[in-house]
N, C-alpha and C. Protein backbone atom coordinates (compact mmCIF):
# COMPACT_ATOMS: atom_id res chain seq x y z
N UNK A 1 -12.53 -7.79 -1.97
CA UNK A 1 -11.03 -7.42 -2.35
C UNK A 1 -10.08 -8.52 -1.73
N UNK A 2 -9.37 -8.81 -2.47
CA UNK A 2 -8.14 -9.86 -2.08
C UNK A 2 -7.15 -9.45 -1.62
N UNK A 3 -6.41 -9.80 -0.64
CA UNK A 3 -5.25 -9.25 -0.15
C UNK A 3 -4.25 -10.27 0.16
N UNK A 4 -3.01 -10.10 0.07
CA UNK A 4 -2.06 -10.96 0.18
C UNK A 4 -2.03 -11.63 1.36
N UNK A 5 -2.09 -12.98 1.53
CA UNK A 5 -1.96 -13.56 2.75
C UNK A 5 -1.33 -14.97 2.48
N UNK A 6 -0.97 -15.52 1.28
CA UNK A 6 -0.29 -16.74 0.91
C UNK A 6 -0.08 -16.67 -0.42
N UNK A 7 0.74 -17.73 -1.20
CA UNK A 7 1.15 -17.70 -2.27
C UNK A 7 0.26 -17.86 -3.12
N UNK A 8 -0.93 -18.28 -2.82
CA UNK A 8 -2.10 -18.57 -3.83
C UNK A 8 -2.44 -17.21 -4.39
N UNK A 9 -2.36 -16.10 -3.76
CA UNK A 9 -2.77 -14.84 -4.19
C UNK A 9 -1.99 -14.25 -5.24
N UNK A 10 -0.87 -14.66 -5.58
CA UNK A 10 -0.18 -14.10 -6.91
C UNK A 10 -1.03 -13.82 -8.03
N UNK A 11 -2.04 -14.97 -8.37
CA UNK A 11 -2.85 -14.58 -9.47
C UNK A 11 -3.92 -13.68 -9.37
N UNK A 12 -3.84 -12.84 -8.25
CA UNK A 12 -4.97 -11.88 -8.09
C UNK A 12 -4.96 -10.95 -9.22
N UNK A 13 -6.21 -10.54 -9.76
CA UNK A 13 -6.29 -9.65 -10.67
C UNK A 13 -5.75 -8.11 -10.37
N UNK A 14 -4.71 -7.70 -11.14
CA UNK A 14 -4.37 -6.28 -10.75
C UNK A 14 -5.30 -5.23 -11.06
N UNK A 15 -5.60 -4.56 -9.97
CA UNK A 15 -6.63 -3.45 -9.98
C UNK A 15 -6.30 -2.36 -9.19
N UNK A 16 -6.71 -1.32 -9.48
CA UNK A 16 -6.62 -0.29 -8.37
C UNK A 16 -7.91 -0.03 -7.83
N UNK A 17 -7.96 -0.28 -6.69
CA UNK A 17 -9.34 -0.24 -5.59
C UNK A 17 -8.85 0.33 -4.31
N UNK A 18 -9.71 0.80 -3.51
CA UNK A 18 -9.56 1.59 -2.26
C UNK A 18 -10.59 1.06 -1.37
N UNK A 19 -10.45 0.74 -0.29
CA UNK A 19 -11.19 0.46 0.93
C UNK A 19 -10.86 1.47 2.00
N UNK A 20 -11.77 2.16 2.59
CA UNK A 20 -11.37 2.98 3.68
C UNK A 20 -12.50 2.66 4.82
N UNK A 21 -11.95 2.48 6.02
CA UNK A 21 -12.55 2.43 7.33
C UNK A 21 -12.30 3.28 8.17
N UNK A 22 -13.07 3.73 9.35
CA UNK A 22 -12.68 4.55 10.47
C UNK A 22 -12.98 3.80 11.76
N UNK A 23 -12.09 3.42 12.53
CA UNK A 23 -12.31 2.87 13.83
C UNK A 23 -12.18 4.02 15.09
N UNK A 24 -12.75 3.91 16.02
CA UNK A 24 -12.83 4.67 17.17
C UNK A 24 -12.37 3.98 18.21
N UNK A 25 -11.37 4.09 19.14
CA UNK A 25 -10.91 3.41 20.23
C UNK A 25 -10.00 4.37 21.06
N UNK A 26 -10.69 5.28 21.72
CA UNK A 26 -10.01 6.35 22.40
C UNK A 26 -9.67 7.35 21.50
N UNK A 27 -8.97 7.14 20.39
CA UNK A 27 -8.57 8.24 19.61
C UNK A 27 -9.00 7.82 18.30
N UNK A 28 -9.14 8.80 17.44
CA UNK A 28 -9.77 8.37 16.18
C UNK A 28 -8.71 7.81 15.17
N UNK A 29 -8.96 6.74 14.51
CA UNK A 29 -7.86 6.11 13.78
C UNK A 29 -8.58 5.78 12.47
N UNK A 30 -8.08 6.16 11.30
CA UNK A 30 -8.41 5.97 10.05
C UNK A 30 -7.68 4.82 9.43
N UNK A 31 -8.06 3.83 8.76
CA UNK A 31 -7.52 2.87 8.01
C UNK A 31 -8.10 2.95 6.59
N UNK A 32 -6.97 2.83 5.62
CA UNK A 32 -6.99 2.82 4.30
C UNK A 32 -6.50 1.75 3.65
N UNK A 33 -7.08 0.95 2.90
CA UNK A 33 -6.35 0.08 2.00
C UNK A 33 -6.62 0.01 0.61
N UNK A 34 -5.46 0.13 -0.17
CA UNK A 34 -5.59 0.15 -1.65
C UNK A 34 -4.66 -0.87 -2.15
N UNK A 35 -5.18 -1.31 -3.35
CA UNK A 35 -4.46 -2.19 -4.32
C UNK A 35 -4.13 -1.48 -5.58
N UNK A 36 -2.81 -1.51 -5.86
CA UNK A 36 -2.32 -0.90 -7.36
C UNK A 36 -1.15 -1.74 -7.76
N UNK A 37 -0.84 -1.50 -8.91
CA UNK A 37 0.25 -2.18 -9.80
C UNK A 37 1.13 -1.08 -10.12
N UNK A 38 2.32 -1.65 -10.37
CA UNK A 38 3.52 -0.79 -10.88
C UNK A 38 4.61 -1.98 -11.44
N UNK A 39 5.49 -1.49 -12.43
CA UNK A 39 6.32 -2.27 -13.12
C UNK A 39 7.73 -2.31 -12.28
N UNK A 40 8.26 -3.56 -12.39
CA UNK A 40 9.63 -3.70 -11.75
C UNK A 40 10.74 -3.19 -12.82
N UNK A 41 11.44 -2.37 -12.12
CA UNK A 41 12.52 -1.45 -12.88
C UNK A 41 13.54 -2.52 -13.54
N UNK A 42 13.50 -3.73 -13.14
CA UNK A 42 14.66 -4.59 -13.50
C UNK A 42 14.19 -5.24 -14.77
N UNK A 43 12.96 -6.02 -14.68
CA UNK A 43 12.56 -6.85 -15.87
C UNK A 43 11.04 -6.21 -16.50
N UNK A 44 10.66 -5.30 -15.90
CA UNK A 44 9.52 -4.60 -16.35
C UNK A 44 8.24 -5.40 -16.23
N UNK A 45 8.25 -6.58 -15.16
CA UNK A 45 7.11 -7.25 -14.90
C UNK A 45 6.17 -6.45 -14.24
N UNK A 46 4.99 -6.57 -14.36
CA UNK A 46 3.82 -5.96 -13.35
C UNK A 46 3.66 -6.58 -12.04
N UNK A 47 3.74 -5.75 -10.98
CA UNK A 47 3.88 -6.21 -9.79
C UNK A 47 2.40 -5.79 -8.99
N UNK A 48 1.65 -6.55 -8.27
CA UNK A 48 0.54 -6.05 -7.58
C UNK A 48 0.82 -5.52 -6.24
N UNK A 49 0.56 -4.50 -5.76
CA UNK A 49 0.72 -3.89 -4.29
C UNK A 49 -0.33 -3.94 -3.49
N UNK A 50 -0.39 -4.39 -2.26
CA UNK A 50 -1.29 -4.01 -1.28
C UNK A 50 -0.80 -3.13 -0.18
N UNK A 51 -1.45 -1.88 -0.18
CA UNK A 51 -0.91 -1.11 1.01
C UNK A 51 -2.00 -0.82 2.02
N UNK A 52 -1.71 -0.77 3.22
CA UNK A 52 -2.58 -0.38 4.31
C UNK A 52 -2.01 0.90 5.13
N UNK A 53 -2.70 1.74 5.31
CA UNK A 53 -2.21 2.93 5.90
C UNK A 53 -3.23 3.20 7.29
N UNK A 54 -2.26 3.40 8.39
CA UNK A 54 -3.36 3.68 9.41
C UNK A 54 -2.83 5.53 9.77
N UNK A 55 -3.85 6.07 9.98
CA UNK A 55 -3.60 7.54 10.27
C UNK A 55 -4.66 8.25 11.09
N UNK A 56 -4.12 9.04 11.92
CA UNK A 56 -5.09 10.00 12.67
C UNK A 56 -5.66 10.89 11.85
N UNK A 57 -5.01 11.32 10.83
CA UNK A 57 -5.38 12.23 10.06
C UNK A 57 -6.21 11.75 8.74
N UNK A 58 -7.25 12.50 8.43
CA UNK A 58 -8.03 12.11 7.01
C UNK A 58 -7.07 12.32 5.92
N UNK A 59 -7.05 10.98 5.30
CA UNK A 59 -6.41 11.03 4.01
C UNK A 59 -7.60 11.14 3.05
N UNK A 60 -7.56 11.99 2.10
CA UNK A 60 -8.54 11.97 0.96
C UNK A 60 -8.31 10.87 -0.11
N UNK A 61 -9.44 10.34 -0.23
CA UNK A 61 -9.32 9.24 -1.30
C UNK A 61 -8.86 9.43 -2.44
N UNK A 62 -9.22 10.51 -3.03
CA UNK A 62 -9.01 10.95 -4.29
C UNK A 62 -7.35 11.36 -4.36
N UNK A 63 -6.92 11.91 -3.32
CA UNK A 63 -5.35 12.02 -3.18
C UNK A 63 -4.77 10.85 -3.12
N UNK A 64 -5.03 9.66 -2.47
CA UNK A 64 -4.36 8.41 -2.52
C UNK A 64 -4.51 7.77 -3.80
N UNK A 65 -5.55 7.79 -4.30
CA UNK A 65 -5.68 7.18 -5.65
C UNK A 65 -4.86 7.87 -6.75
N UNK A 66 -4.85 9.15 -6.51
CA UNK A 66 -4.07 9.79 -7.61
C UNK A 66 -2.56 9.49 -7.31
N UNK A 67 -1.99 9.41 -6.17
CA UNK A 67 -0.81 9.16 -6.10
C UNK A 67 -0.50 7.76 -6.32
N UNK A 68 -1.14 6.81 -6.02
CA UNK A 68 -0.69 5.43 -6.55
C UNK A 68 -0.82 5.13 -7.90
N UNK A 69 -1.70 5.80 -8.81
CA UNK A 69 -1.93 5.98 -10.00
C UNK A 69 -0.59 6.40 -10.98
N UNK A 70 0.07 7.50 -10.30
CA UNK A 70 1.20 7.81 -10.78
C UNK A 70 2.51 7.02 -10.49
N UNK A 71 2.46 6.06 -9.75
CA UNK A 71 3.50 5.23 -9.51
C UNK A 71 3.51 4.10 -10.60
N UNK A 72 4.30 4.50 -11.61
CA UNK A 72 4.31 3.62 -12.68
C UNK A 72 5.41 2.59 -12.72
N UNK A 73 6.52 2.71 -11.94
CA UNK A 73 7.72 1.58 -11.97
C UNK A 73 8.63 2.17 -10.56
N UNK A 74 9.07 1.11 -9.97
CA UNK A 74 10.00 1.38 -8.73
C UNK A 74 10.18 0.24 -7.88
N UNK A 75 11.22 0.24 -7.16
CA UNK A 75 11.40 -0.74 -6.26
C UNK A 75 10.64 -0.48 -5.00
N UNK A 76 10.17 -1.83 -4.51
CA UNK A 76 9.20 -1.95 -3.40
C UNK A 76 9.59 -0.78 -2.20
N UNK A 77 10.92 -0.81 -1.98
CA UNK A 77 11.05 -0.19 -0.86
C UNK A 77 11.10 1.38 -1.07
N UNK A 78 11.49 1.79 -2.25
CA UNK A 78 11.51 3.21 -2.88
C UNK A 78 9.95 3.79 -2.84
N UNK A 79 9.33 2.61 -3.10
CA UNK A 79 7.74 3.01 -3.29
C UNK A 79 7.16 3.36 -1.95
N UNK A 80 7.57 2.36 -0.95
CA UNK A 80 7.06 2.61 0.46
C UNK A 80 7.53 3.94 1.07
N UNK A 81 8.80 4.26 0.76
CA UNK A 81 9.45 5.40 1.23
C UNK A 81 8.69 6.60 0.68
N UNK A 82 8.23 6.63 -0.75
CA UNK A 82 7.66 7.97 -1.21
C UNK A 82 6.25 8.04 -0.58
N UNK A 83 5.24 6.80 -0.29
CA UNK A 83 4.17 6.79 0.22
C UNK A 83 4.12 7.49 1.74
N UNK A 84 5.00 6.91 2.70
CA UNK A 84 5.06 7.46 4.13
C UNK A 84 5.52 9.04 3.82
N UNK A 85 6.23 9.26 3.12
CA UNK A 85 6.89 10.73 2.89
C UNK A 85 5.51 11.60 2.39
N UNK A 86 4.53 11.19 1.68
CA UNK A 86 3.49 11.95 1.18
C UNK A 86 2.37 12.03 2.30
N UNK A 87 2.06 10.63 2.80
CA UNK A 87 0.81 10.48 3.59
C UNK A 87 1.19 10.43 5.24
N UNK A 88 2.15 10.00 5.67
CA UNK A 88 2.48 9.85 6.94
C UNK A 88 1.75 8.79 7.79
N UNK A 89 1.59 8.70 8.78
CA UNK A 89 0.78 7.67 9.31
C UNK A 89 1.61 6.64 9.67
N UNK A 90 1.08 5.22 9.49
CA UNK A 90 1.61 4.04 9.48
C UNK A 90 1.46 3.24 8.65
N UNK A 91 2.35 2.50 7.83
CA UNK A 91 2.10 1.94 6.65
C UNK A 91 2.60 0.53 6.41
N UNK A 92 1.84 -0.42 5.96
CA UNK A 92 2.50 -1.79 5.64
C UNK A 92 2.09 -1.84 4.07
N UNK A 93 3.20 -2.14 3.19
CA UNK A 93 3.11 -2.31 1.78
C UNK A 93 3.60 -3.80 1.57
N UNK A 94 2.79 -4.41 0.91
CA UNK A 94 2.84 -5.98 0.67
C UNK A 94 2.88 -6.34 -0.88
N UNK A 95 3.66 -7.27 -1.46
CA UNK A 95 3.74 -7.71 -2.66
C UNK A 95 4.66 -8.80 -2.91
N UNK A 96 4.23 -9.62 -3.84
CA UNK A 96 5.02 -10.84 -4.39
C UNK A 96 5.83 -10.28 -5.53
N UNK A 97 7.34 -10.46 -5.44
CA UNK A 97 8.23 -9.86 -6.66
C UNK A 97 9.03 -11.53 -7.01
N UNK A 98 8.54 -11.70 -8.28
CA UNK A 98 9.06 -13.07 -8.64
C UNK A 98 9.26 -14.14 -7.62
N UNK A 99 8.34 -14.29 -6.96
CA UNK A 99 8.09 -15.56 -5.96
C UNK A 99 8.44 -15.03 -4.55
N UNK A 100 9.06 -13.98 -4.50
CA UNK A 100 9.53 -13.65 -3.06
C UNK A 100 8.34 -12.60 -2.42
N UNK A 101 7.87 -12.83 -1.49
CA UNK A 101 6.95 -11.99 -0.61
C UNK A 101 7.58 -10.99 0.01
N UNK A 102 7.39 -9.78 -0.19
CA UNK A 102 8.06 -8.50 0.37
C UNK A 102 7.04 -7.74 1.32
N UNK A 103 7.43 -7.45 2.59
CA UNK A 103 6.38 -6.64 3.23
C UNK A 103 7.49 -5.62 3.88
N UNK A 104 6.88 -4.31 3.81
CA UNK A 104 7.56 -3.24 4.24
C UNK A 104 6.85 -2.38 5.26
N UNK A 105 7.35 -2.12 6.39
CA UNK A 105 6.62 -1.27 7.24
C UNK A 105 7.32 0.03 7.46
N UNK A 106 6.57 1.06 7.48
CA UNK A 106 7.18 2.53 7.63
C UNK A 106 6.23 3.08 8.69
N UNK A 107 6.77 3.94 9.60
CA UNK A 107 6.23 4.72 10.59
C UNK A 107 5.53 3.89 11.61
N UNK A 108 5.76 2.67 11.81
CA UNK A 108 5.31 2.01 12.92
C UNK A 108 5.57 2.36 14.44
N UNK A 109 6.71 3.30 14.59
CA UNK A 109 6.99 3.72 15.79
C UNK A 109 6.58 5.04 16.21
N UNK A 110 5.60 5.61 14.91
CA UNK A 110 4.76 6.68 15.30
C UNK A 110 3.54 6.39 16.30
N UNK A 111 3.49 6.92 17.48
CA UNK A 111 2.27 6.64 18.35
C UNK A 111 1.11 7.02 17.79
N UNK A 112 -0.05 5.97 17.74
CA UNK A 112 -1.12 6.38 17.17
C UNK A 112 -2.30 6.59 18.16
């Protein structure tokens, strides 16, 4: 799975995929990574998003995939807001928009 770490990854093939892992360090912490696409509401271009969620609660993979599948269009920050509202935890959402890299963080002040 390719994650956005530099401008060269702009050409990554847009797919809906999910990677989940669980790490135990004192408390149980679940990590979920998913790649999905949505259209820009300004010019209808397809944007590939990379989401990472950390949560003490279990998130059903099917629920996460169903949620990102219904995200057809939206502004990056609004998509991030809807994801944190639905799943809680700590989120980082990354994407390139017309050559500009955007990274939003939600819930990082929540103790894990």
